[in-house]
Amino acid sequence: MADTFSFDVVSDFDRQELVNAVDQLRREVSQRYDLKDSNSEIELEENELIITTASDMTLKAIEDILRQKATKRNLSLKIFEFMDSESSAGNRVRQRVIFRKGLNQETAKKLSKSIRSSLKKVNVSIQGESLRVVGKSKDDLQAAISLLKDQEDQLDIPLQFENYR
């Protein structure tokens, strides 16, 4: 039996589910009566989504549909960072939606400090864009997971717990 147990805390999303949600979004925008003639363009890049449409009103409608499709596909809405809309050529409106992925150093330090102050029997280390939590007891690790789940509401990113062993 192992002397120590561990798990990783990451902030990630399923890329394929995001692609599927965007495909559904495009389909609905092209078929919906109020959005059909808006000549909306939705471009999926590696780290962002670019929405170009006729007006702020249609942009809001497309944002709402994106949120609905993402929720139905079990994607956290915290992965989307909606930037301010900007004017584009030909009286059109463009908005960038950046995808949040990974723990930045500030968030990782904050979570690490929180775990260390509450639970003395676990060790926390920052490994790139993730946290590794190590302890001698699975109960201690379960306590760390529940502590992080309680704090997730104050964070602007979703958390997942991987490699629990």
C-alpha atoms as a PDB file:
ATOM      1  CA  MET A   1       0.000   0.000   0.000  1.00  0.00           C
ATOM      2  CA  ALA A   2       1.193   3.522  -0.813  1.00  0.00           C
ATOM      3  CA  ASP A   3       2.679   5.720   1.897  1.00  0.00           C
ATOM      4  CA  THR A   4       1.187   8.896   0.445  1.00  0.00           C
ATOM      5  CA  PHE A   5      -1.814   9.813  -1.645  1.00  0.00           C
ATOM      6  CA  SER A   6      -2.196  12.762  -3.975  1.00  0.00           C
ATOM      7  CA  PHE A   7      -4.391  14.612  -6.436  1.00  0.00           C
ATOM      8  CA  ASP A   8      -4.009  17.533  -8.838  1.00  0.00           C
ATOM      9  CA  VAL A   9      -6.126  20.686  -8.922  1.00  0.00           C
ATOM     10  CA  VAL A  10      -6.529  22.030 -12.463  1.00  0.00           C
ATOM     11  CA  SER A  11      -8.742  24.437 -14.348  1.00  0.00           C
ATOM     12  CA  ASP A  12      -9.591  22.990 -17.736  1.00  0.00           C
ATOM     13  CA  PHE A  13     -12.492  22.266 -20.064  1.00  0.00           C
ATOM     14  CA  ASP A  14     -13.372  19.650 -22.634  1.00  0.00           C
ATOM     15  CA  ARG A  15     -12.342  21.184 -25.975  1.00  0.00           C
ATOM     16  CA  GLN A  16     -14.556  18.842 -28.004  1.00  0.00           C
ATOM     17  CA  GLU A  17     -17.622  19.804 -25.974  1.00  0.00           C
ATOM     18  CA  LEU A  18     -16.778  23.463 -26.633  1.00  0.00           C
ATOM     19  CA  VAL A  19     -16.501  22.777 -30.381  1.00  0.00           C
ATOM     20  CA  ASN A  20     -19.876  21.011 -30.294  1.00  0.00           C
ATOM     21  CA  ALA A  21     -21.490  23.890 -28.375  1.00  0.00           C
ATOM     22  CA  VAL A  22     -20.159  26.413 -30.918  1.00  0.00           C
ATOM     23  CA  ASP A  23     -21.443  24.256 -33.794  1.00  0.00           C
ATOM     24  CA  GLN A  24     -24.894  24.184 -32.189  1.00  0.00           C
ATOM     25  CA  LEU A  25     -24.666  27.950 -31.681  1.00  0.00           C
ATOM     26  CA  ARG A  26     -23.898  28.505 -35.379  1.00  0.00           C
ATOM     27  CA  ARG A  27     -26.759  26.247 -36.403  1.00  0.00           C
ATOM     28  CA  GLU A  28     -29.274  28.011 -34.181  1.00  0.00           C
ATOM     29  CA  VAL A  29     -28.136  31.495 -35.270  1.00  0.00           C
ATOM     30  CA  SER A  30     -28.538  30.525 -38.940  1.00  0.00           C
ATOM     31  CA  GLN A  31     -32.046  29.119 -38.348  1.00  0.00           C
ATOM     32  CA  ARG A  32     -33.596  31.504 -35.833  1.00  0.00           C
ATOM     33  CA  TYR A  33     -35.981  34.011 -37.398  1.00  0.00           C
ATOM     34  CA  ASP A  34     -34.697  37.040 -35.460  1.00  0.00           C
ATOM     35  CA  LEU A  35     -31.021  36.225 -36.117  1.00  0.00           C
ATOM     36  CA  LYS A  36     -31.147  34.750 -39.615  1.00  0.00           C
ATOM     37  CA  ASP A  37     -30.652  38.052 -41.482  1.00  0.00           C
ATOM     38  CA  SER A  38     -28.011  39.474 -39.136  1.00  0.00           C
ATOM     39  CA  ASN A  39     -25.109  38.012 -41.167  1.00  0.00           C
ATOM     40  CA  SER A  40     -23.487  36.889 -37.929  1.00  0.00           C
ATOM     41  CA  GLU A  41     -20.075  35.271 -38.083  1.00  0.00           C
ATOM     42  CA  ILE A  42     -18.760  33.046 -35.323  1.00  0.00           C
ATOM     43  CA  GLU A  43     -15.081  32.120 -35.552  1.00  0.00           C
ATOM     44  CA  LEU A  44     -13.588  29.566 -33.172  1.00  0.00           C
ATOM     45  CA  GLU A  45      -9.872  30.124 -32.603  1.00  0.00           C
ATOM     46  CA  GLU A  46      -7.516  28.162 -30.341  1.00  0.00           C
ATOM     47  CA  ASN A  47      -7.955  30.383 -27.264  1.00  0.00           C
ATOM     48  CA  GLU A  48     -10.908  32.581 -28.172  1.00  0.00           C
ATOM     49  CA  LEU A  49     -14.199  32.923 -29.983  1.00  0.00           C
ATOM     50  CA  ILE A  50     -14.849  35.950 -32.205  1.00  0.00           C
ATOM     51  CA  ILE A  51     -18.462  36.967 -32.768  1.00  0.00           C
ATOM     52  CA  THR A  52     -19.227  39.542 -35.471  1.00  0.00           C
ATOM     53  CA  THR A  53     -22.841  40.591 -35.955  1.00  0.00           C
ATOM     54  CA  ALA A  54     -25.151  43.446 -36.946  1.00  0.00           C
ATOM     55  CA  SER A  55     -26.019  45.054 -33.597  1.00  0.00           C
ATOM     56  CA  ASP A  56     -25.614  44.936 -29.838  1.00  0.00           C
ATOM     57  CA  MET A  57     -29.063  43.372 -29.538  1.00  0.00           C
ATOM     58  CA  THR A  58     -28.169  40.409 -31.748  1.00  0.00           C
ATOM     59  CA  LEU A  59     -24.831  40.123 -29.947  1.00  0.00           C
ATOM     60  CA  LYS A  60     -26.647  39.757 -26.601  1.00  0.00           C
ATOM     61  CA  ALA A  61     -28.935  37.107 -28.114  1.00  0.00           C
ATOM     62  CA  ILE A  62     -25.928  35.158 -29.433  1.00  0.00           C
ATOM     63  CA  GLU A  63     -24.216  35.389 -26.001  1.00  0.00           C
ATOM     64  CA  ASP A  64     -27.350  33.973 -24.355  1.00  0.00           C
ATOM     65  CA  ILE A  65     -27.491  31.083 -26.826  1.00  0.00           C
ATOM     66  CA  LEU A  66     -23.773  30.371 -26.238  1.00  0.00           C
ATOM     67  CA  ARG A  67     -24.370  30.221 -22.491  1.00  0.00           C
ATOM     68  CA  GLN A  68     -27.335  27.860 -22.976  1.00  0.00           C
ATOM     69  CA  LYS A  69     -25.440  25.520 -25.301  1.00  0.00           C
ATOM     70  CA  ALA A  70     -22.382  25.454 -23.009  1.00  0.00           C
ATOM     71  CA  THR A  71     -24.530  24.690 -19.961  1.00  0.00           C
ATOM     72  CA  LYS A  72     -26.286  21.828 -21.750  1.00  0.00           C
ATOM     73  CA  ARG A  73     -22.878  20.348 -22.572  1.00  0.00           C
ATOM     74  CA  ASN A  74     -21.698  20.569 -18.944  1.00  0.00           C
ATOM     75  CA  LEU A  75     -19.192  23.346 -19.632  1.00  0.00           C
ATOM     76  CA  SER A  76     -18.750  25.832 -16.827  1.00  0.00           C
ATOM     77  CA  LEU A  77     -19.688  29.386 -17.768  1.00  0.00           C
ATOM     78  CA  LYS A  78     -16.572  30.506 -15.878  1.00  0.00           C
ATOM     79  CA  ILE A  79     -14.413  29.449 -18.839  1.00  0.00           C
ATOM     80  CA  PHE A  80     -15.780  32.378 -20.879  1.00  0.00           C
ATOM     81  CA  GLU A  81     -14.347  35.849 -20.454  1.00  0.00           C
ATOM     82  CA  PHE A  82     -16.550  38.180 -22.492  1.00  0.00           C
ATOM     83  CA  MET A  83     -14.563  41.208 -23.631  1.00  0.00           C
ATOM     84  CA  ASP A  84     -16.178  44.563 -24.417  1.00  0.00           C
ATOM     85  CA  SER A  85     -17.849  44.787 -27.793  1.00  0.00           C
ATOM     86  CA  GLU A  86     -16.208  47.015 -30.355  1.00  0.00           C
ATOM     87  CA  SER A  87     -17.323  48.596 -33.606  1.00  0.00           C
ATOM     88  CA  SER A  88     -16.292  46.809 -36.752  1.00  0.00           C
ATOM     89  CA  ALA A  89     -16.355  47.662 -40.452  1.00  0.00           C
ATOM     90  CA  GLY A  90     -19.737  48.312 -42.032  1.00  0.00           C
ATOM     91  CA  ASN A  91     -21.739  49.285 -38.913  1.00  0.00           C
ATOM     92  CA  ARG A  92     -21.145  45.895 -37.349  1.00  0.00           C
ATOM     93  CA  VAL A  93     -20.227  44.842 -33.822  1.00  0.00           C
ATOM     94  CA  ARG A  94     -17.405  42.465 -32.860  1.00  0.00           C
ATOM     95  CA  GLN A  95     -16.808  40.745 -29.541  1.00  0.00           C
ATOM     96  CA  ARG A  96     -13.996  38.493 -28.409  1.00  0.00           C
ATOM     97  CA  VAL A  97     -14.705  35.717 -25.924  1.00  0.00           C
ATOM     98  CA  ILE A  98     -11.481  34.448 -24.355  1.00  0.00           C
ATOM     99  CA  PHE A  99     -11.325  30.926 -22.907  1.00  0.00           C
ATOM    100  CA  ARG A 100      -9.880  30.642 -19.398  1.00  0.00           C
ATOM    101  CA  LYS A 101      -7.709  27.616 -18.889  1.00  0.00           C
ATOM    102  CA  GLY A 102      -5.138  26.766 -16.228  1.00  0.00           C
ATOM    103  CA  LEU A 103      -4.396  28.238 -12.818  1.00  0.00           C
ATOM    104  CA  ASN A 104      -2.443  31.478 -12.931  1.00  0.00           C
ATOM    105  CA  GLN A 105       0.301  31.996 -10.324  1.00  0.00           C
ATOM    106  CA  GLU A 106      -1.780  34.363  -8.199  1.00  0.00           C
ATOM    107  CA  THR A 107      -4.735  31.951  -7.955  1.00  0.00           C
ATOM    108  CA  ALA A 108      -2.446  28.965  -7.348  1.00  0.00           C
ATOM    109  CA  LYS A 109      -0.691  30.780  -4.481  1.00  0.00           C
ATOM    110  CA  LYS A 110      -4.022  31.812  -2.972  1.00  0.00           C
ATOM    111  CA  LEU A 111      -5.387  28.243  -3.066  1.00  0.00           C
ATOM    112  CA  SER A 112      -2.112  26.807  -1.773  1.00  0.00           C
ATOM    113  CA  LYS A 113      -2.065  29.221   1.169  1.00  0.00           C
ATOM    114  CA  SER A 114      -5.688  28.440   1.968  1.00  0.00           C
ATOM    115  CA  ILE A 115      -5.051  24.681   2.068  1.00  0.00           C
ATOM    116  CA  ARG A 116      -1.865  25.050   4.122  1.00  0.00           C
ATOM    117  CA  SER A 117      -3.544  27.278   6.723  1.00  0.00           C
ATOM    118  CA  SER A 118      -6.560  24.978   7.141  1.00  0.00           C
ATOM    119  CA  LEU A 119      -5.014  21.530   6.812  1.00  0.00           C
ATOM    120  CA  LYS A 120      -1.644  20.903   8.442  1.00  0.00           C
ATOM    121  CA  LYS A 121      -1.286  17.279   7.347  1.00  0.00           C
ATOM    122  CA  VAL A 122      -1.090  17.900   3.591  1.00  0.00           C
ATOM    123  CA  ASN A 123       1.652  19.324   1.385  1.00  0.00           C
ATOM    124  CA  VAL A 124       0.799  21.577  -1.541  1.00  0.00           C
ATOM    125  CA  SER A 125       3.092  22.355  -4.467  1.00  0.00           C
ATOM    126  CA  ILE A 126       2.516  24.530  -7.527  1.00  0.00           C
ATOM    127  CA  GLN A 127       3.355  22.701 -10.745  1.00  0.00           C
ATOM    128  CA  GLY A 128       2.947  25.010 -13.721  1.00  0.00           C
ATOM    129  CA  GLU A 129      -0.765  25.629 -14.182  1.00  0.00           C
ATOM    130  CA  SER A 130      -1.863  23.082 -11.570  1.00  0.00           C
ATOM    131  CA  LEU A 131      -1.549  22.301  -7.866  1.00  0.00           C
ATOM    132  CA  ARG A 132      -0.405  18.974  -6.454  1.00  0.00           C
ATOM    133  CA  VAL A 133      -1.805  18.105  -3.030  1.00  0.00           C
ATOM    134  CA  VAL A 134      -0.067  15.241  -1.187  1.00  0.00           C
ATOM    135  CA  GLY A 135      -1.028  13.667   2.130  1.00  0.00           C
ATOM    136  CA  LYS A 136      -0.681  10.463   4.140  1.00  0.00           C
ATOM    137  CA  SER A 137      -4.426   9.999   4.581  1.00  0.00           C
ATOM    138  CA  LYS A 138      -7.184   9.930   1.973  1.00  0.00           C
ATOM    139  CA  ASP A 139      -9.407  11.645   4.533  1.00  0.00           C
ATOM    140  CA  ASP A 140      -7.058  14.642   4.565  1.00  0.00           C
ATOM    141  CA  LEU A 141      -7.220  14.819   0.779  1.00  0.00           C
ATOM    142  CA  GLN A 142     -11.034  14.627   0.860  1.00  0.00           C
ATOM    143  CA  ALA A 143     -11.012  17.526   3.339  1.00  0.00           C
ATOM    144  CA  ALA A 144      -8.791  19.517   0.950  1.00  0.00           C
ATOM    145  CA  ILE A 145     -11.165  18.833  -1.954  1.00  0.00           C
ATOM    146  CA  SER A 146     -14.193  19.941   0.038  1.00  0.00           C
ATOM    147  CA  LEU A 147     -12.324  23.074   1.183  1.00  0.00           C
ATOM    148  CA  LEU A 148     -11.522  23.971  -2.438  1.00  0.00           C
ATOM    149  CA  LYS A 149     -15.095  23.273  -3.569  1.00  0.00           C
ATOM    150  CA  ASP A 150     -16.343  25.702  -0.931  1.00  0.00           C
ATOM    151  CA  GLN A 151     -13.969  28.390  -2.233  1.00  0.00           C
ATOM    152  CA  GLU A 152     -14.780  27.828  -5.913  1.00  0.00           C
ATOM    153  CA  ASP A 153     -17.690  30.299  -5.800  1.00  0.00           C
ATOM    154  CA  GLN A 154     -15.284  33.183  -5.109  1.00  0.00           C
ATOM    155  CA  LEU A 155     -12.999  32.195  -7.997  1.00  0.00           C
ATOM    156  CA  ASP A 156     -13.496  33.252 -11.596  1.00  0.00           C
ATOM    157  CA  ILE A 157     -12.359  29.859 -12.919  1.00  0.00           C
ATOM    158  CA  PRO A 158     -13.756  26.323 -12.603  1.00  0.00           C
ATOM    159  CA  LEU A 159     -11.729  23.737 -10.672  1.00  0.00           C
ATOM    160  CA  GLN A 160     -11.329  20.036 -11.418  1.00  0.00           C
ATOM    161  CA  PHE A 161      -9.617  17.379  -9.339  1.00  0.00           C
ATOM    162  CA  GLU A 162      -7.572  14.821 -11.272  1.00  0.00           C
ATOM    163  CA  ASN A 163      -5.167  11.923 -10.683  1.00  0.00           C
ATOM    164  CA  TYR A 164      -6.580  11.069  -7.286  1.00  0.00           C
ATOM    165  CA  ARG A 165      -4.420   8.210  -6.032  1.00  0.00           C
END
